[in-house]
């Protein structure tokens, strides 16, 4: 009887880490939309085997960040503005749910961290540090998802947000956007701090509907 080889936990973890590294490079615009992702180049860049690179690209294709081309390998998938709008429209249902759950589950210890994050967001906007403001927005979104403890919604949101991350980054630098979105983010945090699920849902919906309007104006 022939033994079937199975991956060691270390090998599985290494491939997962490689997927994360390539994903982060795409989201950080180190690879441009439509750019070819050549397995040999990625193997050299990340010190990984061609098989591991191939698996990572398949994982990212399933996430919608990479597209496989017949007989031509893979490239970074470009997300149109129309598709970005659709993604945000789907996110509305999921993120309002997470906001409600976060307000319901908030502990005193969690509230202290949210207050610190609120102050940091206000400071970044006041100083005009849009890069830091963009980073803090991601921290806030991630923290609210964690506080919601709704694993299904979180998993779906992580995939959707990855697909539209480049548009989200552009939004942060859209003229006047920070001055408009910062109060919206503060309103969401304040509603969660007040442990008011209805207000948290309403504030989150208002913020995301605003994103849809701005995206359409950028098209």
C-alpha atoms as a PDB file:
ATOM      1  CA  UNK A   1       0.000   0.000   0.000  1.00  0.00           C
ATOM      2  CA  UNK A   2       1.348   3.437  -0.924  1.00  0.00           C
ATOM      3  CA  UNK A   3       1.490   6.026   1.805  1.00  0.00           C
ATOM      4  CA  UNK A   4      -0.168   9.345   0.993  1.00  0.00           C
ATOM      5  CA  UNK A   5       2.104  12.287   1.803  1.00  0.00           C
ATOM      6  CA  UNK A   6       0.555  14.990   3.906  1.00  0.00           C
ATOM      7  CA  UNK A   7       1.803  18.484   4.629  1.00  0.00           C
ATOM      8  CA  UNK A   8       3.377  19.170   7.972  1.00  0.00           C
ATOM      9  CA  UNK A   9       1.828  21.924  10.091  1.00  0.00           C
ATOM     10  CA  UNK A  10       4.938  24.023   9.398  1.00  0.00           C
ATOM     11  CA  UNK A  11       4.527  23.681   5.627  1.00  0.00           C
ATOM     12  CA  UNK A  12       0.851  24.603   5.812  1.00  0.00           C
ATOM     13  CA  UNK A  13       1.652  27.635   7.962  1.00  0.00           C
ATOM     14  CA  UNK A  14       4.396  28.718   5.556  1.00  0.00           C
ATOM     15  CA  UNK A  15       1.985  28.691   2.601  1.00  0.00           C
ATOM     16  CA  UNK A  16      -0.577  30.626   4.612  1.00  0.00           C
ATOM     17  CA  UNK A  17       2.081  33.201   5.483  1.00  0.00           C
ATOM     18  CA  UNK A  18       3.099  33.477   1.812  1.00  0.00           C
ATOM     19  CA  UNK A  19      -0.515  34.107   0.836  1.00  0.00           C
ATOM     20  CA  UNK A  20      -0.667  36.851   3.473  1.00  0.00           C
ATOM     21  CA  UNK A  21       2.576  38.423   2.224  1.00  0.00           C
ATOM     22  CA  UNK A  22       1.456  38.568  -1.403  1.00  0.00           C
ATOM     23  CA  UNK A  23      -1.991  39.797  -0.336  1.00  0.00           C
ATOM     24  CA  UNK A  24      -0.410  42.614   1.678  1.00  0.00           C
ATOM     25  CA  UNK A  25       1.822  43.576  -1.277  1.00  0.00           C
ATOM     26  CA  UNK A  26      -1.220  43.811  -3.554  1.00  0.00           C
ATOM     27  CA  UNK A  27      -3.188  45.879  -1.039  1.00  0.00           C
ATOM     28  CA  UNK A  28      -0.180  48.174  -0.481  1.00  0.00           C
ATOM     29  CA  UNK A  29      -0.016  48.781  -4.276  1.00  0.00           C
ATOM     30  CA  UNK A  30       3.391  47.089  -4.612  1.00  0.00           C
ATOM     31  CA  UNK A  31       1.741  45.268  -7.503  1.00  0.00           C
ATOM     32  CA  UNK A  32      -0.431  47.336  -9.839  1.00  0.00           C
ATOM     33  CA  UNK A  33      -3.829  46.312 -11.225  1.00  0.00           C
ATOM     34  CA  UNK A  34      -3.383  44.020 -14.258  1.00  0.00           C
ATOM     35  CA  UNK A  35       0.296  43.426 -13.390  1.00  0.00           C
ATOM     36  CA  UNK A  36       1.492  39.923 -14.222  1.00  0.00           C
ATOM     37  CA  UNK A  37       2.427  37.808 -11.202  1.00  0.00           C
ATOM     38  CA  UNK A  38       5.210  35.550 -12.448  1.00  0.00           C
ATOM     39  CA  UNK A  39       5.768  32.488 -10.289  1.00  0.00           C
ATOM     40  CA  UNK A  40       9.563  32.468 -10.760  1.00  0.00           C
ATOM     41  CA  UNK A  41       9.839  36.127  -9.740  1.00  0.00           C
ATOM     42  CA  UNK A  42       7.612  35.658  -6.687  1.00  0.00           C
ATOM     43  CA  UNK A  43       9.539  32.532  -5.708  1.00  0.00           C
ATOM     44  CA  UNK A  44      12.794  34.527  -5.716  1.00  0.00           C
ATOM     45  CA  UNK A  45      11.262  37.562  -4.008  1.00  0.00           C
ATOM     46  CA  UNK A  46       9.787  35.598  -1.111  1.00  0.00           C
ATOM     47  CA  UNK A  47      12.270  32.731  -0.939  1.00  0.00           C
ATOM     48  CA  UNK A  48       9.510  30.199  -1.499  1.00  0.00           C
ATOM     49  CA  UNK A  49       9.072  27.192  -3.768  1.00  0.00           C
ATOM     50  CA  UNK A  50       7.200  27.508  -7.059  1.00  0.00           C
ATOM     51  CA  UNK A  51       4.580  25.101  -5.694  1.00  0.00           C
ATOM     52  CA  UNK A  52       3.999  27.322  -2.649  1.00  0.00           C
ATOM     53  CA  UNK A  53       3.705  30.401  -4.851  1.00  0.00           C
ATOM     54  CA  UNK A  54       1.211  28.599  -7.092  1.00  0.00           C
ATOM     55  CA  UNK A  55      -0.906  27.651  -4.070  1.00  0.00           C
ATOM     56  CA  UNK A  56      -0.797  31.223  -2.738  1.00  0.00           C
ATOM     57  CA  UNK A  57      -1.956  32.599  -6.097  1.00  0.00           C
ATOM     58  CA  UNK A  58      -4.814  30.109  -6.170  1.00  0.00           C
ATOM     59  CA  UNK A  59      -5.817  31.234  -2.678  1.00  0.00           C
ATOM     60  CA  UNK A  60      -5.759  34.882  -3.761  1.00  0.00           C
ATOM     61  CA  UNK A  61      -7.728  34.057  -6.901  1.00  0.00           C
ATOM     62  CA  UNK A  62     -10.434  32.573  -4.683  1.00  0.00           C
ATOM     63  CA  UNK A  63     -10.447  35.868  -2.734  1.00  0.00           C
ATOM     64  CA  UNK A  64     -10.902  37.888  -5.914  1.00  0.00           C
ATOM     65  CA  UNK A  65      -7.533  39.664  -5.706  1.00  0.00           C
ATOM     66  CA  UNK A  66      -5.856  37.676  -8.495  1.00  0.00           C
ATOM     67  CA  UNK A  67      -7.180  36.371 -11.786  1.00  0.00           C
ATOM     68  CA  UNK A  68      -5.837  33.328 -13.604  1.00  0.00           C
ATOM     69  CA  UNK A  69      -5.356  33.716 -17.351  1.00  0.00           C
ATOM     70  CA  UNK A  70      -5.451  30.664 -19.648  1.00  0.00           C
ATOM     71  CA  UNK A  71      -1.879  29.783 -20.643  1.00  0.00           C
ATOM     72  CA  UNK A  72      -0.646  33.144 -19.324  1.00  0.00           C
ATOM     73  CA  UNK A  73      -0.352  32.666 -15.578  1.00  0.00           C
ATOM     74  CA  UNK A  74      -1.828  35.142 -13.127  1.00  0.00           C
ATOM     75  CA  UNK A  75      -2.215  38.889 -12.745  1.00  0.00           C
ATOM     76  CA  UNK A  76      -3.564  41.342 -10.191  1.00  0.00           C
ATOM     77  CA  UNK A  77      -7.288  41.708 -10.684  1.00  0.00           C
ATOM     78  CA  UNK A  78      -8.556  45.248 -11.232  1.00  0.00           C
ATOM     79  CA  UNK A  79     -11.746  46.223  -9.400  1.00  0.00           C
ATOM     80  CA  UNK A  80     -13.947  48.696 -11.274  1.00  0.00           C
ATOM     81  CA  UNK A  81     -15.732  51.522  -9.496  1.00  0.00           C
ATOM     82  CA  UNK A  82     -19.082  49.858 -10.228  1.00  0.00           C
ATOM     83  CA  UNK A  83     -17.887  46.654  -8.591  1.00  0.00           C
ATOM     84  CA  UNK A  84     -16.467  48.617  -5.649  1.00  0.00           C
ATOM     85  CA  UNK A  85     -19.893  50.220  -5.171  1.00  0.00           C
ATOM     86  CA  UNK A  86     -21.562  46.804  -5.196  1.00  0.00           C
ATOM     87  CA  UNK A  87     -19.079  45.558  -2.609  1.00  0.00           C
ATOM     88  CA  UNK A  88     -19.845  48.486  -0.302  1.00  0.00           C
ATOM     89  CA  UNK A  89     -23.573  47.909  -0.743  1.00  0.00           C
ATOM     90  CA  UNK A  90     -23.104  44.312   0.420  1.00  0.00           C
ATOM     91  CA  UNK A  91     -20.884  45.488   3.272  1.00  0.00           C
ATOM     92  CA  UNK A  92     -23.673  47.705   4.579  1.00  0.00           C
ATOM     93  CA  UNK A  93     -25.669  44.715   5.771  1.00  0.00           C
ATOM     94  CA  UNK A  94     -22.656  43.008   7.333  1.00  0.00           C
ATOM     95  CA  UNK A  95     -21.039  46.044   8.949  1.00  0.00           C
ATOM     96  CA  UNK A  96     -24.270  47.341  10.449  1.00  0.00           C
ATOM     97  CA  UNK A  97     -24.724  43.889  11.994  1.00  0.00           C
ATOM     98  CA  UNK A  98     -21.189  43.997  13.413  1.00  0.00           C
ATOM     99  CA  UNK A  99     -21.759  47.493  14.795  1.00  0.00           C
ATOM    100  CA  UNK A 100     -24.913  46.339  16.579  1.00  0.00           C
ATOM    101  CA  UNK A 101     -23.139  43.319  18.042  1.00  0.00           C
ATOM    102  CA  UNK A 102     -20.157  45.437  19.122  1.00  0.00           C
ATOM    103  CA  UNK A 103     -22.472  47.783  21.012  1.00  0.00           C
ATOM    104  CA  UNK A 104     -24.183  44.835  22.667  1.00  0.00           C
ATOM    105  CA  UNK A 105     -20.947  43.082  23.681  1.00  0.00           C
ATOM    106  CA  UNK A 106     -18.843  46.079  24.748  1.00  0.00           C
ATOM    107  CA  UNK A 107     -17.013  45.685  28.061  1.00  0.00           C
ATOM    108  CA  UNK A 108     -15.475  48.423  30.178  1.00  0.00           C
ATOM    109  CA  UNK A 109     -11.986  47.316  29.112  1.00  0.00           C
ATOM    110  CA  UNK A 110     -12.986  47.420  25.439  1.00  0.00           C
ATOM    111  CA  UNK A 111     -14.502  50.869  25.930  1.00  0.00           C
ATOM    112  CA  UNK A 112     -11.203  52.236  27.202  1.00  0.00           C
ATOM    113  CA  UNK A 113      -9.431  51.103  24.048  1.00  0.00           C
ATOM    114  CA  UNK A 114     -12.126  52.596  21.822  1.00  0.00           C
ATOM    115  CA  UNK A 115     -11.827  55.956  23.580  1.00  0.00           C
ATOM    116  CA  UNK A 116      -8.085  55.958  22.908  1.00  0.00           C
ATOM    117  CA  UNK A 117      -8.722  55.118  19.245  1.00  0.00           C
ATOM    118  CA  UNK A 118     -11.295  57.909  19.017  1.00  0.00           C
ATOM    119  CA  UNK A 119      -8.752  60.426  20.324  1.00  0.00           C
ATOM    120  CA  UNK A 120      -6.105  59.180  17.871  1.00  0.00           C
ATOM    121  CA  UNK A 121      -8.485  59.595  14.912  1.00  0.00           C
ATOM    122  CA  UNK A 122      -9.296  63.156  15.946  1.00  0.00           C
ATOM    123  CA  UNK A 123      -5.585  63.954  16.349  1.00  0.00           C
ATOM    124  CA  UNK A 124      -4.681  62.530  12.921  1.00  0.00           C
ATOM    125  CA  UNK A 125      -7.369  64.591  11.189  1.00  0.00           C
ATOM    126  CA  UNK A 126      -6.474  67.744  13.120  1.00  0.00           C
ATOM    127  CA  UNK A 127      -2.816  67.413  12.087  1.00  0.00           C
ATOM    128  CA  UNK A 128      -3.688  66.616   8.473  1.00  0.00           C
ATOM    129  CA  UNK A 129      -1.919  63.248   8.637  1.00  0.00           C
ATOM    130  CA  UNK A 130      -4.035  61.398   6.076  1.00  0.00           C
ATOM    131  CA  UNK A 131      -1.769  58.347   5.975  1.00  0.00           C
ATOM    132  CA  UNK A 132      -2.202  57.856   9.716  1.00  0.00           C
ATOM    133  CA  UNK A 133      -5.913  58.599   9.438  1.00  0.00           C
ATOM    134  CA  UNK A 134      -6.269  55.901   6.780  1.00  0.00           C
ATOM    135  CA  UNK A 135      -4.393  53.433   8.983  1.00  0.00           C
ATOM    136  CA  UNK A 136      -6.558  54.257  12.006  1.00  0.00           C
ATOM    137  CA  UNK A 137      -9.707  53.738   9.941  1.00  0.00           C
ATOM    138  CA  UNK A 138      -8.546  50.204   9.243  1.00  0.00           C
ATOM    139  CA  UNK A 139      -7.747  49.699  12.927  1.00  0.00           C
ATOM    140  CA  UNK A 140     -11.224  50.900  13.875  1.00  0.00           C
ATOM    141  CA  UNK A 141     -12.953  48.667  11.328  1.00  0.00           C
ATOM    142  CA  UNK A 142     -10.937  45.652  12.480  1.00  0.00           C
ATOM    143  CA  UNK A 143     -11.605  46.386  16.154  1.00  0.00           C
ATOM    144  CA  UNK A 144     -15.363  46.688  15.660  1.00  0.00           C
ATOM    145  CA  UNK A 145     -15.383  43.390  13.787  1.00  0.00           C
ATOM    146  CA  UNK A 146     -13.496  41.776  16.670  1.00  0.00           C
ATOM    147  CA  UNK A 147     -15.893  43.237  19.233  1.00  0.00           C
ATOM    148  CA  UNK A 148     -18.882  41.933  17.289  1.00  0.00           C
ATOM    149  CA  UNK A 149     -17.693  38.332  17.817  1.00  0.00           C
ATOM    150  CA  UNK A 150     -19.738  37.408  14.727  1.00  0.00           C
ATOM    151  CA  UNK A 151     -17.342  35.091  12.913  1.00  0.00           C
ATOM    152  CA  UNK A 152     -19.416  34.557   9.776  1.00  0.00           C
ATOM    153  CA  UNK A 153     -19.852  38.287   9.167  1.00  0.00           C
ATOM    154  CA  UNK A 154     -16.173  38.904   9.932  1.00  0.00           C
ATOM    155  CA  UNK A 155     -14.963  36.297   7.437  1.00  0.00           C
ATOM    156  CA  UNK A 156     -17.189  37.658   4.687  1.00  0.00           C
ATOM    157  CA  UNK A 157     -16.156  41.244   5.411  1.00  0.00           C
ATOM    158  CA  UNK A 158     -12.450  40.479   5.359  1.00  0.00           C
ATOM    159  CA  UNK A 159     -12.786  39.066   1.865  1.00  0.00           C
ATOM    160  CA  UNK A 160     -14.941  41.939   0.612  1.00  0.00           C
ATOM    161  CA  UNK A 161     -12.685  44.602   2.121  1.00  0.00           C
ATOM    162  CA  UNK A 162      -9.592  43.041   0.578  1.00  0.00           C
ATOM    163  CA  UNK A 163     -11.159  43.270  -2.884  1.00  0.00           C
ATOM    164  CA  UNK A 164     -11.964  46.984  -2.535  1.00  0.00           C
ATOM    165  CA  UNK A 165      -8.947  48.046  -0.466  1.00  0.00           C
ATOM    166  CA  UNK A 166      -7.342  50.091  -3.242  1.00  0.00           C
ATOM    167  CA  UNK A 167     -10.501  52.143  -3.709  1.00  0.00           C
ATOM    168  CA  UNK A 168     -10.736  52.626   0.050  1.00  0.00           C
ATOM    169  CA  UNK A 169      -7.170  53.974   0.099  1.00  0.00           C
ATOM    170  CA  UNK A 170      -8.015  56.446  -2.694  1.00  0.00           C
ATOM    171  CA  UNK A 171     -11.059  57.583  -0.749  1.00  0.00           C
ATOM    172  CA  UNK A 172      -8.897  58.592   2.226  1.00  0.00           C
ATOM    173  CA  UNK A 173      -7.072  61.102   0.013  1.00  0.00           C
ATOM    174  CA  UNK A 174     -10.122  62.357  -1.876  1.00  0.00           C
ATOM    175  CA  UNK A 175     -10.352  66.157  -1.366  1.00  0.00           C
ATOM    176  CA  UNK A 176     -12.397  66.964   1.714  1.00  0.00           C
ATOM    177  CA  UNK A 177     -13.127  63.300   2.441  1.00  0.00           C
ATOM    178  CA  UNK A 178     -11.327  63.174   5.793  1.00  0.00           C
ATOM    179  CA  UNK A 179     -13.258  66.175   7.120  1.00  0.00           C
ATOM    180  CA  UNK A 180     -16.501  64.432   6.179  1.00  0.00           C
ATOM    181  CA  UNK A 181     -15.686  60.875   7.203  1.00  0.00           C
ATOM    182  CA  UNK A 182     -13.975  61.586  10.534  1.00  0.00           C
ATOM    183  CA  UNK A 183     -17.196  62.771  12.240  1.00  0.00           C
ATOM    184  CA  UNK A 184     -18.924  59.700  10.794  1.00  0.00           C
ATOM    185  CA  UNK A 185     -16.317  57.408  12.332  1.00  0.00           C
ATOM    186  CA  UNK A 186     -16.552  59.269  15.640  1.00  0.00           C
ATOM    187  CA  UNK A 187     -20.355  58.871  15.561  1.00  0.00           C
ATOM    188  CA  UNK A 188     -19.987  55.104  15.130  1.00  0.00           C
ATOM    189  CA  UNK A 189     -17.526  54.875  18.024  1.00  0.00           C
ATOM    190  CA  UNK A 190     -19.713  57.059  20.251  1.00  0.00           C
ATOM    191  CA  UNK A 191     -22.760  54.895  19.547  1.00  0.00           C
ATOM    192  CA  UNK A 192     -20.844  51.740  20.434  1.00  0.00           C
ATOM    193  CA  UNK A 193     -19.459  53.412  23.565  1.00  0.00           C
ATOM    194  CA  UNK A 194     -23.032  54.320  24.513  1.00  0.00           C
ATOM    195  CA  UNK A 195     -23.916  50.638  24.043  1.00  0.00           C
ATOM    196  CA  UNK A 196     -26.717  51.733  21.712  1.00  0.00           C
ATOM    197  CA  UNK A 197     -27.139  49.093  18.957  1.00  0.00           C
ATOM    198  CA  UNK A 198     -29.709  51.127  16.992  1.00  0.00           C
ATOM    199  CA  UNK A 199     -27.500  54.218  16.922  1.00  0.00           C
ATOM    200  CA  UNK A 200     -24.439  52.128  16.016  1.00  0.00           C
ATOM    201  CA  UNK A 201     -26.318  50.569  13.112  1.00  0.00           C
ATOM    202  CA  UNK A 202     -27.641  53.922  11.885  1.00  0.00           C
ATOM    203  CA  UNK A 203     -24.237  55.621  12.091  1.00  0.00           C
ATOM    204  CA  UNK A 204     -22.548  52.770  10.232  1.00  0.00           C
ATOM    205  CA  UNK A 205     -25.196  52.785   7.506  1.00  0.00           C
ATOM    206  CA  UNK A 206     -24.882  56.557   7.055  1.00  0.00           C
ATOM    207  CA  UNK A 207     -21.094  56.281   6.752  1.00  0.00           C
ATOM    208  CA  UNK A 208     -21.174  53.498   4.164  1.00  0.00           C
ATOM    209  CA  UNK A 209     -23.906  55.143   2.108  1.00  0.00           C
ATOM    210  CA  UNK A 210     -21.645  58.200   2.019  1.00  0.00           C
ATOM    211  CA  UNK A 211     -18.834  56.036   0.649  1.00  0.00           C
ATOM    212  CA  UNK A 212     -21.129  54.833  -2.129  1.00  0.00           C
ATOM    213  CA  UNK A 213     -21.917  58.432  -3.094  1.00  0.00           C
ATOM    214  CA  UNK A 214     -18.242  59.420  -3.181  1.00  0.00           C
ATOM    215  CA  UNK A 215     -17.256  56.351  -5.207  1.00  0.00           C
ATOM    216  CA  UNK A 216     -19.885  57.151  -7.802  1.00  0.00           C
ATOM    217  CA  UNK A 217     -18.655  60.735  -8.003  1.00  0.00           C
ATOM    218  CA  UNK A 218     -15.116  59.455  -8.640  1.00  0.00           C
ATOM    219  CA  UNK A 219     -16.182  57.248 -11.557  1.00  0.00           C
END
